[in-house]
Protein backbone atom coordinates (compact mmCIF):
# COMPACT_ATOMS: atom_id res chain seq x y z
CA MET A 1 -22.30 -28.37 -23.51
CA ALA A 2 -18.64 -27.76 -24.42
CA ARG A 3 -19.20 -24.01 -24.36
CA ARG A 4 -20.78 -24.25 -20.89
CA THR A 5 -17.78 -26.27 -19.67
CA VAL A 6 -15.35 -23.63 -20.98
CA GLU A 7 -17.35 -20.83 -19.34
CA GLN A 8 -17.42 -22.74 -16.05
CA HIS A 9 -13.63 -23.24 -16.24
CA ILE A 10 -13.10 -19.51 -16.82
CA ASP A 11 -15.45 -18.67 -13.93
CA ASN A 12 -13.41 -20.98 -11.68
CA GLU A 13 -10.21 -19.18 -12.63
CA ILE A 14 -11.85 -15.82 -11.90
CA VAL A 15 -12.90 -17.18 -8.50
CA TYR A 16 -9.27 -18.20 -7.81
CA MET A 17 -8.05 -14.70 -8.72
CA LYS A 18 -10.71 -13.16 -6.47
CA LYS A 19 -9.64 -15.48 -3.63
CA ILE A 20 -6.01 -14.43 -4.04
CA GLU A 21 -7.12 -10.79 -4.02
CA LEU A 22 -9.24 -11.34 -0.90
CA ILE A 23 -6.47 -13.19 0.96
CA LEU A 24 -3.97 -10.43 0.19
CA GLY A 25 -6.52 -7.82 1.30
CA ILE A 26 -7.11 -9.63 4.61
CA ILE A 27 -3.35 -9.93 5.22
CA VAL A 28 -2.95 -6.19 4.51
CA PHE A 29 -5.72 -5.45 7.03
CA ILE A 30 -4.12 -7.71 9.67
CA GLY A 31 -0.72 -6.17 8.99
CA PHE A 32 -2.15 -2.66 9.39
CA LEU A 33 -3.75 -3.59 12.75
CA MET A 34 -0.42 -5.05 13.87
CA TYR A 35 1.26 -1.82 12.72
CA LEU A 36 -1.14 0.32 14.78
CA PHE A 37 -0.55 -1.83 17.87
CA LEU A 38 3.25 -1.92 17.37
CA VAL A 39 3.36 -5.70 16.89
CA PRO A 40 6.80 -6.88 15.65
CA GLY A 41 6.86 -8.01 12.01
CA SER A 42 4.00 -5.72 10.94
CA THR A 43 6.20 -3.68 8.58
CA LEU A 44 7.42 -6.77 6.73
CA LEU A 45 3.87 -8.18 6.51
CA ILE A 46 2.52 -4.91 5.06
CA LEU A 47 5.44 -4.64 2.65
CA LEU A 48 4.92 -8.16 1.27
CA SER A 49 1.11 -8.24 1.15
CA LEU A 50 0.53 -4.69 -0.14
CA GLY A 51 3.44 -5.04 -2.55
CA LEU A 52 1.94 -8.25 -3.96
CA LEU A 53 -1.51 -6.61 -4.18
CA THR A 54 0.04 -3.72 -6.13
CA ILE A 55 1.59 -6.19 -8.60
CA PHE A 56 -1.64 -8.23 -8.73
CA TYR A 57 -3.75 -5.25 -9.87
CA TYR A 58 -1.12 -4.08 -12.35
CA VAL A 59 -0.77 -7.50 -14.00
CA PHE A 60 -4.14 -9.23 -13.65
CA SER A 61 -6.81 -6.49 -13.73
CA ILE A 62 -7.44 -6.83 -17.46
CA LEU A 63 -8.02 -10.57 -16.98
CA LEU A 64 -10.06 -10.23 -13.79
CA PHE A 65 -12.44 -7.53 -15.02
CA ASN A 66 -12.93 -9.06 -18.49
CA LYS A 67 -13.21 -12.67 -17.25
CA ILE A 68 -10.31 -13.91 -19.35
CA GLU A 69 -8.72 -17.28 -18.59
CA LEU A 70 -5.31 -16.97 -16.96
CA LYS A 71 -3.68 -19.69 -19.09
CA GLN A 72 -5.14 -18.34 -22.33
CA ASN A 73 -2.71 -16.94 -24.89
CA ILE A 74 -3.36 -13.21 -25.13
CA SER A 75 -4.18 -12.14 -28.70
CA ALA A 76 -6.78 -10.15 -30.63
CA LYS A 77 -9.13 -13.15 -30.47
CA THR A 78 -8.95 -13.12 -26.65
CA PHE A 79 -10.87 -9.84 -26.55
CA LYS A 80 -13.48 -10.79 -29.14
CA GLY A 81 -16.87 -9.45 -28.08
CA ILE A 82 -15.31 -7.00 -25.59
CA SER A 83 -15.51 -3.31 -26.48
CA LYS A 84 -12.30 -1.29 -26.80
CA LEU A 85 -13.52 1.16 -24.17
CA ARG A 86 -14.07 -1.65 -21.66
CA ILE A 87 -10.54 -2.95 -22.32
CA ILE A 88 -9.11 0.55 -21.85
CA ILE A 89 -11.09 1.08 -18.63
CA SER A 90 -10.00 -2.28 -17.22
CA ILE A 91 -6.33 -1.48 -17.96
CA ALA A 92 -6.69 2.03 -16.53
CA SER A 93 -8.39 0.68 -13.39
CA GLY A 94 -5.52 -1.77 -12.85
CA LEU A 95 -3.04 1.07 -13.18
CA ALA A 96 -5.06 3.32 -10.82
CA LEU A 97 -5.42 0.55 -8.22
CA SER A 98 -1.73 -0.38 -8.35
CA LEU A 99 -0.64 3.27 -8.08
CA THR A 100 -2.95 3.86 -5.10
CA CYS A 101 -1.84 0.64 -3.37
CA GLY A 102 1.78 1.60 -3.96
CA GLY A 103 1.10 5.06 -2.55
CA ILE A 104 -0.57 3.57 0.53
CA LEU A 105 2.44 1.30 1.02
CA PHE A 106 4.88 4.19 0.71
CA ARG A 107 2.77 6.33 3.09
CA ILE A 108 2.56 3.67 5.81
CA LEU A 109 6.28 2.88 5.63
CA HIS A 110 7.29 6.58 5.35
CA TYR A 111 9.07 6.16 2.01
CA PRO A 112 10.02 9.29 0.02
CA GLY A 113 7.51 10.44 -2.60
CA ALA A 114 4.56 8.76 -0.85
CA LYS A 115 2.16 11.70 -1.14
CA LYS A 116 3.03 12.34 -4.80
CA LEU A 117 2.41 8.69 -5.64
CA LEU A 118 -0.86 8.72 -3.69
CA PHE A 119 -2.04 11.92 -5.41
CA LEU A 120 -1.25 10.39 -8.80
CA GLY A 121 -3.12 7.19 -7.89
CA LEU A 122 -6.14 9.10 -6.55
CA ILE A 123 -6.38 11.30 -9.65
CA ALA A 124 -6.28 8.19 -11.86
CA THR A 125 -8.83 6.52 -9.55
CA LEU A 126 -11.20 9.49 -9.79
CA ILE A 127 -11.05 9.57 -13.60
CA VAL A 128 -11.67 5.82 -13.94
CA LEU A 129 -14.35 5.94 -11.22
CA ILE A 130 -16.39 8.60 -13.03
CA THR A 131 -16.03 6.80 -16.37
CA SER A 132 -17.03 3.46 -14.82
CA ILE A 133 -20.11 4.98 -13.13
CA ILE A 134 -21.30 6.39 -16.48
CA LYS A 135 -20.70 3.07 -18.26
CA PHE A 136 -22.39 1.04 -15.51
CA VAL A 137 -25.48 3.27 -15.54
CA ARG A 138 -25.71 2.90 -19.32
CA ASP A 139 -24.77 -0.76 -19.82
CA LYS A 140 -25.48 -2.41 -16.42
CA ASP A 141 -22.31 -4.45 -16.99
CA ASN A 142 -20.98 -6.29 -13.91
CA CYS A 143 -17.43 -5.60 -15.13
CA TYR A 144 -17.86 -1.94 -14.20
CA LEU A 145 -19.44 -2.87 -10.87
CA MET A 146 -16.35 -4.94 -9.99
CA ILE A 147 -14.16 -1.98 -10.91
CA LEU A 148 -16.31 0.47 -8.92
CA ASN A 149 -16.21 -1.64 -5.75
CA ARG A 150 -12.41 -1.85 -5.76
CA LEU A 151 -11.80 1.77 -6.74
CA THR A 152 -14.17 2.99 -4.00
CA ILE A 153 -12.60 0.93 -1.19
CA ILE A 154 -8.93 1.45 -2.11
CA GLY A 155 -9.48 5.05 -3.19
CA ALA A 156 -11.15 5.86 0.16
CA LEU A 157 -8.20 4.36 2.07
CA GLY A 158 -5.76 6.35 -0.04
CA LEU A 159 -7.72 9.57 0.50
CA ILE A 160 -7.76 9.04 4.28
CA LEU A 161 -3.98 8.60 4.33
CA VAL A 162 -3.53 11.77 2.26
CA LEU A 163 -5.68 13.82 4.63
CA ILE A 164 -4.17 12.47 7.86
CA SER A 165 -0.78 13.92 8.81
CA GLU A 166 2.18 11.75 9.82
CA LEU A 167 2.04 13.35 13.26
CA THR A 168 -1.59 12.20 13.71
CA ILE A 169 -0.69 8.66 12.63
CA ALA A 170 2.23 8.65 15.08
CA LYS A 171 -0.04 9.88 17.88
CA ILE A 172 -2.45 6.99 17.18
CA ARG A 173 0.33 4.39 17.06
CA PHE A 174 2.21 5.63 20.13
CA ARG A 175 -0.82 6.72 22.18
CA ASN A 176 0.56 4.85 25.21
CA TYR A 177 3.94 6.61 25.02
CA PRO A 178 3.36 10.31 25.85
CA GLU A 179 7.09 11.04 26.12
CA TYR A 180 7.68 9.91 22.55
CA ILE A 181 4.65 11.91 21.32
CA HIS A 182 6.10 15.00 23.03
CA ILE A 183 9.41 14.47 21.19
CA ILE A 184 7.81 14.06 17.75
CA GLU A 185 5.63 17.13 18.33
CA ALA A 186 8.75 19.16 19.14
CA LEU A 187 10.55 17.67 16.13
CA SER A 188 7.60 18.51 13.89
CA ALA A 189 7.87 22.14 15.01
CA ASP A 190 11.67 22.15 14.57
CA PRO A 191 12.59 19.50 11.94
CA GLN A 192 16.21 20.73 11.59
CA ASN A 193 17.01 20.06 15.27
CA GLU A 194 19.56 17.21 15.21
CA GLU A 195 19.41 16.70 18.99
CA LEU A 196 15.65 16.13 18.84
CA ARG A 197 16.08 13.83 15.84
CA THR A 198 18.56 11.71 17.78
CA LYS A 199 16.24 11.58 20.80
CA GLU A 200 13.33 10.56 18.55
CA GLU A 201 15.36 7.77 16.96
CA ILE A 202 16.55 6.39 20.31
CA GLU A 203 13.08 6.55 21.87
CA PHE A 204 11.52 4.91 18.81
CA TYR A 205 13.88 1.94 19.04
CA ARG A 206 13.39 1.76 22.80
CA ILE A 207 9.65 1.29 22.20
CA THR A 208 9.79 -1.05 19.20
CA MET A 209 12.78 -3.25 20.14
CA SER A 210 13.18 -5.90 22.80
CA GLU A 211 15.51 -5.08 25.72
CA GLU A 212 18.34 -7.17 24.24
CA GLU A 213 17.95 -5.61 20.80
CA PHE A 214 17.89 -2.11 22.28
CA GLU A 215 21.04 -2.76 24.34
CA SER A 216 22.81 -3.98 21.18
CA TYR A 217 21.61 -0.92 19.30
CA MET A 218 22.86 1.47 22.01
CA LYS A 219 26.26 -0.30 22.09
CA TYR A 220 26.43 0.08 18.30
CA ARG A 221 25.66 3.82 18.59
CA GLU A 222 28.25 4.21 21.36
CA ASN A 223 30.96 2.49 19.27
CA GLN A 224 30.01 4.54 16.24
CA ASN A 225 30.28 7.78 18.22
CA LYS A 226 33.69 6.73 19.58
CA GLU A 227 34.95 6.02 16.05
CA GLU A 228 33.68 9.39 14.82
CA ASN A 229 35.31 11.21 17.75
CA THR A 230 38.61 9.39 17.19
CA LEU A 231 38.56 10.25 13.48
CA GLN A 232 37.80 13.89 14.26
CA GLU A 233 40.69 14.07 16.75
CA GLU A 234 43.08 12.59 14.17
CA LEU A 235 42.01 15.15 11.60
CA GLU A 236 42.57 17.98 14.06
């Protein structure tokens, strides 16, 4: 009876972790839709939710996949009855998932090193995926099924973002702004063109900012240009 109560308590904690994971996943999905439709606040929402999901997989995967109680003190006894290979795979899957989520975050927000991080995450995902498939076929252990489900979904999203160019993503986001698409196409062909880069920046803020915010931004640019011109004249 006592053993059944303990098992039920652990199952409840696993359910809570799964709920947190699901909620974060739903928020990421909503944030991505907002991002595609240029809804204000989408970048912050994606940053927070996907960032938390990255941390979640890195920290809690070993507990989630091995059904270990969150409040339990981690020691050798904690993993009694769990094979070393399963522990290694659960840790590796957490690392692969967090790397891929981090890569997806970097890719969406155009951070430097996004593709490298995504490639690293996808390679780790592929290795763990193959190992988990072999172990699931042999052992029919639900632990590996949980891992497979997550690696497949997140790995597929990461792969899509690797294959799609930034220009294609921009064309999808700004499909209703042909002038801006024309500018980014020209900039893609001539990335060193500072005049095009300035035009792209101004047009981007014109689209994504409110009228008041854009007016403030243009005044800031104007003042900045005046200060630079004054400084240049003084130096001459």
